[in-house]
Amino acid sequence: QRISEWRGNFGSTAITILMAFFASTDEFKTKEARKDYAEYQLEDSRFVYEDLDNEDSPGAFLSEFILRIFTVQLNATQGRQIIDSLDFGLPGYQMALALTTAAVSFA
């Protein structure tokens, strides 16, 4: 149950952060503008990178959305105990980062 809640929180957090971003920018007041922006970000997984146009250092996993959601999840799980049976061979932060990226892609 708790894992399901934790996973669900990634999606909820992603949607909340994306909605706050759209609300703070006049450019995205219409549904069409938000849709166009979302499609643009999904193209080549732009939403993952700080600057996809910088070929030398695009900054994978350093986009504003990824960092905000990742921060919320790290704060929410700080001090929690790791459950050995859920060890997928990845350090906890890498798993959280992977879930964060998936949540943003579906938000």
PDB file of N, CA and C in Angstrom:
ATOM      1  N   GLN A   1       0.827  -1.195   0.000  1.00  0.00           N
ATOM      2  CA  GLN A   1       0.000   0.000   0.000  1.00  0.00           C
ATOM      3  C   GLN A   1       0.871   1.260   0.000  1.00  0.00           C
ATOM      4  N   ARG A   2       1.858   1.303   0.870  1.00  0.00           N
ATOM      5  CA  ARG A   2       2.704   2.503   0.971  1.00  0.00           C
ATOM      6  C   ARG A   2       3.493   2.734  -0.319  1.00  0.00           C
ATOM      7  N   ILE A   3       3.925   1.660  -0.965  1.00  0.00           N
ATOM      8  CA  ILE A   3       4.664   1.815  -2.219  1.00  0.00           C
ATOM      9  C   ILE A   3       3.753   2.419  -3.280  1.00  0.00           C
ATOM     10  N   SER A   4       2.524   1.963  -3.319  1.00  0.00           N
ATOM     11  CA  SER A   4       1.564   2.503  -4.272  1.00  0.00           C
ATOM     12  C   SER A   4       1.328   3.990  -4.014  1.00  0.00           C
ATOM     13  N   GLU A   5       1.224   4.376  -2.763  1.00  0.00           N
ATOM     14  CA  GLU A   5       1.044   5.788  -2.414  1.00  0.00           C
ATOM     15  C   GLU A   5       2.268   6.593  -2.827  1.00  0.00           C
ATOM     16  N   TRP A   6       3.450   6.056  -2.556  1.00  0.00           N
ATOM     17  CA  TRP A   6       4.690   6.750  -2.893  1.00  0.00           C
ATOM     18  C   TRP A   6       4.783   6.952  -4.402  1.00  0.00           C
ATOM     19  N   ARG A   7       4.480   5.902  -5.147  1.00  0.00           N
ATOM     20  CA  ARG A   7       4.532   5.992  -6.605  1.00  0.00           C
ATOM     21  C   ARG A   7       3.501   6.991  -7.119  1.00  0.00           C
ATOM     22  N   GLY A   8       2.311   6.958  -6.537  1.00  0.00           N
ATOM     23  CA  GLY A   8       1.266   7.898  -6.924  1.00  0.00           C
ATOM     24  C   GLY A   8       1.646   9.338  -6.644  1.00  0.00           C
ATOM     25  N   ASN A   9       2.436   9.536  -5.589  1.00  0.00           N
ATOM     26  CA  ASN A   9       2.870  10.890  -5.254  1.00  0.00           C
ATOM     27  C   ASN A   9       3.774  11.489  -6.325  1.00  0.00           C
ATOM     28  N   PHE A  10       4.529  10.654  -7.018  1.00  0.00           N
ATOM     29  CA  PHE A  10       5.370  11.165  -8.106  1.00  0.00           C
ATOM     30  C   PHE A  10       4.494  11.825  -9.167  1.00  0.00           C
ATOM     31  N   GLY A  11       3.445  11.121  -9.571  1.00  0.00           N
ATOM     32  CA  GLY A  11       2.546  11.655 -10.595  1.00  0.00           C
ATOM     33  C   GLY A  11       1.824  12.903 -10.131  1.00  0.00           C
ATOM     34  N   SER A  12       1.320  12.878  -8.902  1.00  0.00           N
ATOM     35  CA  SER A  12       0.622  14.048  -8.360  1.00  0.00           C
ATOM     36  C   SER A  12       1.542  15.250  -8.272  1.00  0.00           C
ATOM     37  N   THR A  13       2.758  15.023  -7.823  1.00  0.00           N
ATOM     38  CA  THR A  13       3.722  16.104  -7.712  1.00  0.00           C
ATOM     39  C   THR A  13       4.053  16.664  -9.089  1.00  0.00           C
ATOM     40  N   ALA A  14       4.234  15.793 -10.061  1.00  0.00           N
ATOM     41  CA  ALA A  14       4.554  16.246 -11.423  1.00  0.00           C
ATOM     42  C   ALA A  14       3.428  17.118 -11.978  1.00  0.00           C
ATOM     43  N   ILE A  15       2.208  16.705 -11.791  1.00  0.00           N
ATOM     44  CA  ILE A  15       1.061  17.472 -12.298  1.00  0.00           C
ATOM     45  C   ILE A  15       0.962  18.819 -11.584  1.00  0.00           C
ATOM     46  N   THR A  16       1.144  18.816 -10.273  1.00  0.00           N
ATOM     47  CA  THR A  16       1.062  20.057  -9.502  1.00  0.00           C
ATOM     48  C   THR A  16       2.128  21.051  -9.936  1.00  0.00           C
ATOM     49  N   ILE A  17       3.345  20.586 -10.118  1.00  0.00           N
ATOM     50  CA  ILE A  17       4.434  21.473 -10.527  1.00  0.00           C
ATOM     51  C   ILE A  17       4.208  21.998 -11.941  1.00  0.00           C
ATOM     52  N   LEU A  18       3.732  21.150 -12.817  1.00  0.00           N
ATOM     53  CA  LEU A  18       3.456  21.586 -14.187  1.00  0.00           C
ATOM     54  C   LEU A  18       2.313  22.600 -14.211  1.00  0.00           C
ATOM     55  N   MET A  19       1.284  22.377 -13.422  1.00  0.00           N
ATOM     56  CA  MET A  19       0.163  23.327 -13.353  1.00  0.00           C
ATOM     57  C   MET A  19       0.623  24.674 -12.798  1.00  0.00           C
ATOM     58  N   ALA A  20       1.483  24.652 -11.785  1.00  0.00           N
ATOM     59  CA  ALA A  20       2.005  25.896 -11.212  1.00  0.00           C
ATOM     60  C   ALA A  20       2.844  26.651 -12.246  1.00  0.00           C
ATOM     61  N   PHE A  21       3.623  25.916 -13.014  1.00  0.00           N
ATOM     62  CA  PHE A  21       4.428  26.536 -14.070  1.00  0.00           C
ATOM     63  C   PHE A  21       3.531  27.222 -15.089  1.00  0.00           C
ATOM     64  N   PHE A  22       2.505  26.523 -15.558  1.00  0.00           N
ATOM     65  CA  PHE A  22       1.597  27.108 -16.538  1.00  0.00           C
ATOM     66  C   PHE A  22       0.869  28.327 -15.970  1.00  0.00           C
ATOM     67  N   ALA A  23       0.459  28.263 -14.716  1.00  0.00           N
ATOM     68  CA  ALA A  23      -0.265  29.372 -14.087  1.00  0.00           C
ATOM     69  C   ALA A  23       0.615  30.603 -13.903  1.00  0.00           C
ATOM     70  N   SER A  24       1.911  30.392 -13.776  1.00  0.00           N
ATOM     71  CA  SER A  24       2.818  31.518 -13.517  1.00  0.00           C
ATOM     72  C   SER A  24       3.283  32.223 -14.788  1.00  0.00           C
ATOM     73  N   THR A  25       2.898  31.706 -15.935  1.00  0.00           N
ATOM     74  CA  THR A  25       3.381  32.241 -17.204  1.00  0.00           C
ATOM     75  C   THR A  25       2.203  32.595 -18.106  1.00  0.00           C
ATOM     76  N   ASP A  26       2.078  33.871 -18.453  1.00  0.00           N
ATOM     77  CA  ASP A  26       0.970  34.320 -19.307  1.00  0.00           C
ATOM     78  C   ASP A  26       0.939  33.613 -20.650  1.00  0.00           C
ATOM     79  N   GLU A  27       2.103  33.199 -21.101  1.00  0.00           N
ATOM     80  CA  GLU A  27       2.232  32.540 -22.406  1.00  0.00           C
ATOM     81  C   GLU A  27       1.388  31.259 -22.503  1.00  0.00           C
ATOM     82  N   PHE A  28       1.073  30.639 -21.356  1.00  0.00           N
ATOM     83  CA  PHE A  28       0.386  29.338 -21.361  1.00  0.00           C
ATOM     84  C   PHE A  28      -1.035  29.408 -20.815  1.00  0.00           C
ATOM     85  N   LYS A  29      -1.732  30.496 -21.073  1.00  0.00           N
ATOM     86  CA  LYS A  29      -3.098  30.641 -20.557  1.00  0.00           C
ATOM     87  C   LYS A  29      -4.110  29.774 -21.309  1.00  0.00           C
ATOM     88  N   THR A  30      -3.817  29.454 -22.571  1.00  0.00           N
ATOM     89  CA  THR A  30      -4.771  28.660 -23.345  1.00  0.00           C
ATOM     90  C   THR A  30      -4.379  27.177 -23.341  1.00  0.00           C
ATOM     91  N   LYS A  31      -5.379  26.326 -23.518  1.00  0.00           N
ATOM     92  CA  LYS A  31      -5.126  24.878 -23.610  1.00  0.00           C
ATOM     93  C   LYS A  31      -4.196  24.561 -24.771  1.00  0.00           C
ATOM     94  N   GLU A  32      -4.414  25.245 -25.871  1.00  0.00           N
ATOM     95  CA  GLU A  32      -3.603  24.996 -27.062  1.00  0.00           C
ATOM     96  C   GLU A  32      -2.130  25.312 -26.804  1.00  0.00           C
ATOM     97  N   ALA A  33      -1.856  26.403 -26.110  1.00  0.00           N
ATOM     98  CA  ALA A  33      -0.468  26.774 -25.797  1.00  0.00           C
ATOM     99  C   ALA A  33       0.168  25.751 -24.871  1.00  0.00           C
ATOM    100  N   ARG A  34      -0.596  25.267 -23.879  1.00  0.00           N
ATOM    101  CA  ARG A  34      -0.063  24.254 -22.962  1.00  0.00           C
ATOM    102  C   ARG A  34       0.187  22.938 -23.697  1.00  0.00           C
ATOM    103  N   LYS A  35      -0.725  22.585 -24.591  1.00  0.00           N
ATOM    104  CA  LYS A  35      -0.574  21.357 -25.376  1.00  0.00           C
ATOM    105  C   LYS A  35       0.663  21.439 -26.268  1.00  0.00           C
ATOM    106  N   ASP A  36       0.839  22.567 -26.944  1.00  0.00           N
ATOM    107  CA  ASP A  36       2.001  22.748 -27.811  1.00  0.00           C
ATOM    108  C   ASP A  36       3.301  22.655 -27.009  1.00  0.00           C
ATOM    109  N   TYR A  37       3.307  23.276 -25.834  1.00  0.00           N
ATOM    110  CA  TYR A  37       4.506  23.239 -24.987  1.00  0.00           C
ATOM    111  C   TYR A  37       4.803  21.810 -24.538  1.00  0.00           C
ATOM    112  N   ALA A  38       3.772  21.085 -24.128  1.00  0.00           N
ATOM    113  CA  ALA A  38       3.951  19.705 -23.675  1.00  0.00           C
ATOM    114  C   ALA A  38       4.495  18.834 -24.807  1.00  0.00           C
ATOM    115  N   GLU A  39       3.945  18.983 -25.996  1.00  0.00           N
ATOM    116  CA  GLU A  39       4.433  18.206 -27.144  1.00  0.00           C
ATOM    117  C   GLU A  39       5.888  18.545 -27.455  1.00  0.00           C
ATOM    118  N   TYR A  40       6.228  19.822 -27.364  1.00  0.00           N
ATOM    119  CA  TYR A  40       7.606  20.248 -27.608  1.00  0.00           C
ATOM    120  C   TYR A  40       8.546  19.622 -26.575  1.00  0.00           C
ATOM    121  N   GLN A  41       8.166  19.630 -25.308  1.00  0.00           N
ATOM    122  CA  GLN A  41       9.003  19.068 -24.251  1.00  0.00           C
ATOM    123  C   GLN A  41       9.169  17.556 -24.396  1.00  0.00           C
ATOM    124  N   LEU A  42       8.140  16.871 -24.865  1.00  0.00           N
ATOM    125  CA  LEU A  42       8.225  15.421 -25.053  1.00  0.00           C
ATOM    126  C   LEU A  42       9.112  15.041 -26.242  1.00  0.00           C
ATOM    127  N   GLU A  43       9.198  15.941 -27.224  1.00  0.00           N
ATOM    128  CA  GLU A  43      10.041  15.708 -28.396  1.00  0.00           C
ATOM    129  C   GLU A  43      11.500  15.584 -27.955  1.00  0.00           C
ATOM    130  N   ASP A  44      12.118  14.484 -28.303  1.00  0.00           N
ATOM    131  CA  ASP A  44      13.513  14.205 -27.934  1.00  0.00           C
ATOM    132  C   ASP A  44      13.740  14.250 -26.416  1.00  0.00           C
ATOM    133  N   SER A  45      12.680  14.053 -25.648  1.00  0.00           N
ATOM    134  CA  SER A  45      12.751  14.072 -24.172  1.00  0.00           C
ATOM    135  C   SER A  45      13.375  15.362 -23.643  1.00  0.00           C
ATOM    136  N   ARG A  46      13.019  16.482 -24.247  1.00  0.00           N
ATOM    137  CA  ARG A  46      13.562  17.777 -23.834  1.00  0.00           C
ATOM    138  C   ARG A  46      13.345  18.049 -22.359  1.00  0.00           C
ATOM    139  N   PHE A  47      12.242  17.572 -21.806  1.00  0.00           N
ATOM    140  CA  PHE A  47      11.901  17.842 -20.408  1.00  0.00           C
ATOM    141  C   PHE A  47      12.948  17.305 -19.435  1.00  0.00           C
ATOM    142  N   VAL A  48      13.809  16.410 -19.881  1.00  0.00           N
ATOM    143  CA  VAL A  48      14.819  15.808 -19.017  1.00  0.00           C
ATOM    144  C   VAL A  48      16.048  16.708 -18.889  1.00  0.00           C
ATOM    145  N   TYR A  49      16.298  17.530 -19.891  1.00  0.00           N
ATOM    146  CA  TYR A  49      17.567  18.251 -19.983  1.00  0.00           C
ATOM    147  C   TYR A  49      17.463  19.720 -19.577  1.00  0.00           C
ATOM    148  N   GLU A  50      18.551  20.196 -19.013  1.00  0.00           N
ATOM    149  CA  GLU A  50      18.648  21.624 -18.690  1.00  0.00           C
ATOM    150  C   GLU A  50      18.741  22.437 -19.985  1.00  0.00           C
ATOM    151  N   ASP A  51      19.566  21.974 -20.928  1.00  0.00           N
ATOM    152  CA  ASP A  51      19.758  22.677 -22.198  1.00  0.00           C
ATOM    153  C   ASP A  51      20.106  21.660 -23.278  1.00  0.00           C
ATOM    154  N   LEU A  52      19.092  21.124 -23.915  1.00  0.00           N
ATOM    155  CA  LEU A  52      19.300  20.081 -24.923  1.00  0.00           C
ATOM    156  C   LEU A  52      20.113  20.585 -26.111  1.00  0.00           C
ATOM    157  N   ASP A  53      20.078  21.895 -26.353  1.00  0.00           N
ATOM    158  CA  ASP A  53      20.810  22.456 -27.488  1.00  0.00           C
ATOM    159  C   ASP A  53      22.317  22.532 -27.235  1.00  0.00           C
ATOM    160  N   ASN A  54      22.744  22.364 -25.993  1.00  0.00           N
ATOM    161  CA  ASN A  54      24.173  22.380 -25.661  1.00  0.00           C
ATOM    162  C   ASN A  54      24.708  20.954 -25.847  1.00  0.00           C
ATOM    163  N   GLU A  55      25.346  20.712 -26.967  1.00  0.00           N
ATOM    164  CA  GLU A  55      25.800  19.362 -27.301  1.00  0.00           C
ATOM    165  C   GLU A  55      26.894  18.853 -26.366  1.00  0.00           C
ATOM    166  N   ASP A  56      27.715  19.747 -25.839  1.00  0.00           N
ATOM    167  CA  ASP A  56      28.811  19.336 -24.969  1.00  0.00           C
ATOM    168  C   ASP A  56      28.324  18.946 -23.576  1.00  0.00           C
ATOM    169  N   SER A  57      27.323  19.661 -23.081  1.00  0.00           N
ATOM    170  CA  SER A  57      26.836  19.409 -21.731  1.00  0.00           C
ATOM    171  C   SER A  57      25.353  19.764 -21.637  1.00  0.00           C
ATOM    172  N   PRO A  58      24.492  18.860 -22.113  1.00  0.00           N
ATOM    173  CA  PRO A  58      23.062  19.179 -22.117  1.00  0.00           C
ATOM    174  C   PRO A  58      22.416  19.182 -20.727  1.00  0.00           C
ATOM    175  N   GLY A  59      23.100  18.608 -19.735  1.00  0.00           N
ATOM    176  CA  GLY A  59      22.567  18.615 -18.374  1.00  0.00           C
ATOM    177  C   GLY A  59      21.427  17.636 -18.168  1.00  0.00           C
ATOM    178  N   ALA A  60      21.683  16.369 -18.448  1.00  0.00           N
ATOM    179  CA  ALA A  60      20.649  15.349 -18.261  1.00  0.00           C
ATOM    180  C   ALA A  60      20.175  15.332 -16.817  1.00  0.00           C
ATOM    181  N   PHE A  61      18.879  15.246 -16.640  1.00  0.00           N
ATOM    182  CA  PHE A  61      18.207  15.212 -15.337  1.00  0.00           C
ATOM    183  C   PHE A  61      18.377  16.508 -14.550  1.00  0.00           C
ATOM    184  N   LEU A  62      18.649  17.604 -15.248  1.00  0.00           N
ATOM    185  CA  LEU A  62      18.819  18.892 -14.583  1.00  0.00           C
ATOM    186  C   LEU A  62      17.775  19.919 -15.008  1.00  0.00           C
ATOM    187  N   SER A  63      16.701  19.469 -15.637  1.00  0.00           N
ATOM    188  CA  SER A  63      15.656  20.417 -16.012  1.00  0.00           C
ATOM    189  C   SER A  63      14.920  20.879 -14.756  1.00  0.00           C
ATOM    190  N   GLU A  64      14.282  22.017 -14.873  1.00  0.00           N
ATOM    191  CA  GLU A  64      13.544  22.583 -13.732  1.00  0.00           C
ATOM    192  C   GLU A  64      12.507  21.589 -13.205  1.00  0.00           C
ATOM    193  N   PHE A  65      11.772  20.934 -14.096  1.00  0.00           N
ATOM    194  CA  PHE A  65      10.725  20.017 -13.670  1.00  0.00           C
ATOM    195  C   PHE A  65      11.294  18.799 -12.947  1.00  0.00           C
ATOM    196  N   ILE A  66      12.312  18.218 -13.515  1.00  0.00           N
ATOM    197  CA  ILE A  66      12.929  17.035 -12.899  1.00  0.00           C
ATOM    198  C   ILE A  66      13.456  17.379 -11.512  1.00  0.00           C
ATOM    199  N   LEU A  67      14.184  18.476 -11.400  1.00  0.00           N
ATOM    200  CA  LEU A  67      14.778  18.843 -10.115  1.00  0.00           C
ATOM    201  C   LEU A  67      13.730  19.155  -9.054  1.00  0.00           C
ATOM    202  N   ARG A  68      12.674  19.844  -9.433  1.00  0.00           N
ATOM    203  CA  ARG A  68      11.620  20.170  -8.449  1.00  0.00           C
ATOM    204  C   ARG A  68      10.920  18.918  -7.937  1.00  0.00           C
ATOM    205  N   ILE A  69      10.565  18.025  -8.827  1.00  0.00           N
ATOM    206  CA  ILE A  69       9.866  16.803  -8.419  1.00  0.00           C
ATOM    207  C   ILE A  69      10.792  15.903  -7.613  1.00  0.00           C
ATOM    208  N   PHE A  70      12.017  15.790  -8.060  1.00  0.00           N
ATOM    209  CA  PHE A  70      12.998  14.976  -7.353  1.00  0.00           C
ATOM    210  C   PHE A  70      13.206  15.505  -5.931  1.00  0.00           C
ATOM    211  N   THR A  71      13.287  16.814  -5.790  1.00  0.00           N
ATOM    212  CA  THR A  71      13.463  17.427  -4.471  1.00  0.00           C
ATOM    213  C   THR A  71      12.291  17.117  -3.551  1.00  0.00           C
ATOM    214  N   VAL A  72      11.085  17.235  -4.064  1.00  0.00           N
ATOM    215  CA  VAL A  72       9.897  16.931  -3.257  1.00  0.00           C
ATOM    216  C   VAL A  72       9.930  15.481  -2.794  1.00  0.00           C
ATOM    217  N   GLN A  73      10.285  14.575  -3.690  1.00  0.00           N
ATOM    218  CA  GLN A  73      10.309  13.157  -3.329  1.00  0.00           C
ATOM    219  C   GLN A  73      11.420  12.837  -2.334  1.00  0.00           C
ATOM    220  N   LEU A  74      12.573  13.458  -2.499  1.00  0.00           N
ATOM    221  CA  LEU A  74      13.654  13.226  -1.536  1.00  0.00           C
ATOM    222  C   LEU A  74      13.265  13.720  -0.143  1.00  0.00           C
ATOM    223  N   ASN A  75      12.634  14.877  -0.094  1.00  0.00           N
ATOM    224  CA  ASN A  75      12.182  15.397   1.203  1.00  0.00           C
ATOM    225  C   ASN A  75      11.122  14.497   1.830  1.00  0.00           C
ATOM    226  N   ALA A  76      10.243  13.952   1.007  1.00  0.00           N
ATOM    227  CA  ALA A  76       9.171  13.098   1.518  1.00  0.00           C
ATOM    228  C   ALA A  76       9.692  11.768   2.047  1.00  0.00           C
ATOM    229  N   THR A  77      10.794  11.296   1.515  1.00  0.00           N
ATOM    230  CA  THR A  77      11.299   9.983   1.918  1.00  0.00           C
ATOM    231  C   THR A  77      12.516  10.062   2.832  1.00  0.00           C
ATOM    232  N   GLN A  78      12.943  11.256   3.158  1.00  0.00           N
ATOM    233  CA  GLN A  78      14.112  11.418   4.027  1.00  0.00           C
ATOM    234  C   GLN A  78      13.871  10.720   5.371  1.00  0.00           C
ATOM    235  N   GLY A  79      14.838   9.908   5.757  1.00  0.00           N
ATOM    236  CA  GLY A  79      14.746   9.208   7.031  1.00  0.00           C
ATOM    237  C   GLY A  79      13.954   7.912   6.995  1.00  0.00           C
ATOM    238  N   ARG A  80      13.404   7.566   5.853  1.00  0.00           N
ATOM    239  CA  ARG A  80      12.646   6.311   5.731  1.00  0.00           C
ATOM    240  C   ARG A  80      13.609   5.141   5.630  1.00  0.00           C
ATOM    241  N   GLN A  81      13.140   3.992   6.033  1.00  0.00           N
ATOM    242  CA  GLN A  81      13.970   2.793   6.003  1.00  0.00           C
ATOM    243  C   GLN A  81      13.899   2.133   4.629  1.00  0.00           C
ATOM    244  N   ILE A  82      15.042   1.674   4.139  1.00  0.00           N
ATOM    245  CA  ILE A  82      15.099   0.961   2.868  1.00  0.00           C
ATOM    246  C   ILE A  82      14.650  -0.478   3.097  1.00  0.00           C
ATOM    247  N   ILE A  83      13.801  -0.967   2.220  1.00  0.00           N
ATOM    248  CA  ILE A  83      13.295  -2.332   2.321  1.00  0.00           C
ATOM    249  C   ILE A  83      14.110  -3.206   1.379  1.00  0.00           C
ATOM    250  N   ASP A  84      14.869  -4.141   1.954  1.00  0.00           N
ATOM    251  CA  ASP A  84      15.780  -4.968   1.150  1.00  0.00           C
ATOM    252  C   ASP A  84      15.076  -5.714   0.031  1.00  0.00           C
ATOM    253  N   SER A  85      13.857  -6.179   0.259  1.00  0.00           N
ATOM    254  CA  SER A  85      13.169  -6.964  -0.763  1.00  0.00           C
ATOM    255  C   SER A  85      12.780  -6.113  -1.973  1.00  0.00           C
ATOM    256  N   LEU A  86      12.889  -4.796  -1.853  1.00  0.00           N
ATOM    257  CA  LEU A  86      12.564  -3.924  -2.972  1.00  0.00           C
ATOM    258  C   LEU A  86      13.808  -3.415  -3.676  1.00  0.00           C
ATOM    259  N   ASP A  87      14.940  -4.002  -3.379  1.00  0.00           N
ATOM    260  CA  ASP A  87      16.195  -3.581  -3.993  1.00  0.00           C
ATOM    261  C   ASP A  87      16.233  -4.089  -5.429  1.00  0.00           C
ATOM    262  N   PHE A  88      16.205  -3.173  -6.381  1.00  0.00           N
ATOM    263  CA  PHE A  88      16.219  -3.530  -7.791  1.00  0.00           C
ATOM    264  C   PHE A  88      17.619  -3.434  -8.378  1.00  0.00           C
ATOM    265  N   GLY A  89      18.633  -3.356  -7.517  1.00  0.00           N
ATOM    266  CA  GLY A  89      19.993  -3.262  -7.983  1.00  0.00           C
ATOM    267  C   GLY A  89      20.444  -1.842  -8.272  1.00  0.00           C
ATOM    268  N   LEU A  90      19.589  -0.884  -8.005  1.00  0.00           N
ATOM    269  CA  LEU A  90      19.937   0.517  -8.205  1.00  0.00           C
ATOM    270  C   LEU A  90      19.958   1.225  -6.862  1.00  0.00           C
ATOM    271  N   PRO A  91      20.866   2.152  -6.679  1.00  0.00           N
ATOM    272  CA  PRO A  91      20.811   2.962  -5.455  1.00  0.00           C
ATOM    273  C   PRO A  91      19.462   3.690  -5.399  1.00  0.00           C
ATOM    274  N   GLY A  92      18.991   3.957  -4.217  1.00  0.00           N
ATOM    275  CA  GLY A  92      17.678   4.577  -4.042  1.00  0.00           C
ATOM    276  C   GLY A  92      17.497   5.862  -4.816  1.00  0.00           C
ATOM    277  N   TYR A  93      18.533   6.689  -4.887  1.00  0.00           N
ATOM    278  CA  TYR A  93      18.401   7.953  -5.605  1.00  0.00           C
ATOM    279  C   TYR A  93      18.215   7.740  -7.097  1.00  0.00           C
ATOM    280  N   GLN A  94      18.886   6.740  -7.646  1.00  0.00           N
ATOM    281  CA  GLN A  94      18.716   6.470  -9.074  1.00  0.00           C
ATOM    282  C   GLN A  94      17.302   5.973  -9.368  1.00  0.00           C
ATOM    283  N   MET A  95      16.762   5.159  -8.486  1.00  0.00           N
ATOM    284  CA  MET A  95      15.394   4.679  -8.673  1.00  0.00           C
ATOM    285  C   MET A  95      14.418   5.852  -8.588  1.00  0.00           C
ATOM    286  N   ALA A  96      14.615   6.722  -7.609  1.00  0.00           N
ATOM    287  CA  ALA A  96      13.740   7.885  -7.468  1.00  0.00           C
ATOM    288  C   ALA A  96      13.853   8.802  -8.675  1.00  0.00           C
ATOM    289  N   LEU A  97      15.046   8.969  -9.207  1.00  0.00           N
ATOM    290  CA  LEU A  97      15.248   9.804 -10.386  1.00  0.00           C
ATOM    291  C   LEU A  97      14.560   9.191 -11.604  1.00  0.00           C
ATOM    292  N   ALA A  98      14.629   7.881 -11.732  1.00  0.00           N
ATOM    293  CA  ALA A  98      13.947   7.204 -12.840  1.00  0.00           C
ATOM    294  C   ALA A  98      12.428   7.378 -12.726  1.00  0.00           C
ATOM    295  N   LEU A  99      11.890   7.225 -11.527  1.00  0.00           N
ATOM    296  CA  LEU A  99      10.446   7.417 -11.321  1.00  0.00           C
ATOM    297  C   LEU A  99      10.042   8.871 -11.548  1.00  0.00           C
ATOM    298  N   THR A 100      10.897   9.786 -11.150  1.00  0.00           N
ATOM    299  CA  THR A 100      10.636  11.205 -11.383  1.00  0.00           C
ATOM    300  C   THR A 100      10.523  11.493 -12.880  1.00  0.00           C
ATOM    301  N   THR A 101      11.466  10.967 -13.642  1.00  0.00           N
ATOM    302  CA  THR A 101      11.471  11.179 -15.087  1.00  0.00           C
ATOM    303  C   THR A 101      10.220  10.579 -15.725  1.00  0.00           C
ATOM    304  N   ALA A 102       9.850   9.390 -15.306  1.00  0.00           N
ATOM    305  CA  ALA A 102       8.629   8.768 -15.834  1.00  0.00           C
ATOM    306  C   ALA A 102       7.392   9.600 -15.485  1.00  0.00           C
ATOM    307  N   ALA A 103       7.338  10.108 -14.265  1.00  0.00           N
ATOM    308  CA  ALA A 103       6.187  10.904 -13.838  1.00  0.00           C
ATOM    309  C   ALA A 103       6.051  12.165 -14.687  1.00  0.00           C
ATOM    310  N   VAL A 104       7.162  12.834 -14.963  1.00  0.00           N
ATOM    311  CA  VAL A 104       7.111  14.047 -15.771  1.00  0.00           C
ATOM    312  C   VAL A 104       6.656  13.711 -17.187  1.00  0.00           C
ATOM    313  N   SER A 105       7.111  12.604 -17.719  1.00  0.00           N
ATOM    314  CA  SER A 105       6.750  12.266 -19.098  1.00  0.00           C
ATOM    315  C   SER A 105       5.261  11.983 -19.258  1.00  0.00           C
ATOM    316  N   PHE A 106       4.612  11.529 -18.162  1.00  0.00           N
ATOM    317  CA  PHE A 106       3.184  11.216 -18.243  1.00  0.00           C
ATOM    318  C   PHE A 106       2.306  12.322 -17.689  1.00  0.00           C
ATOM    319  N   ALA A 107       2.910  13.335 -17.064  1.00  0.00           N
ATOM    320  CA  ALA A 107       2.101  14.444 -16.511  1.00  0.00           C
ATOM    321  C   ALA A 107       1.560  15.264 -17.652  1.00  0.00           C
TER     322      ALA A 107
END
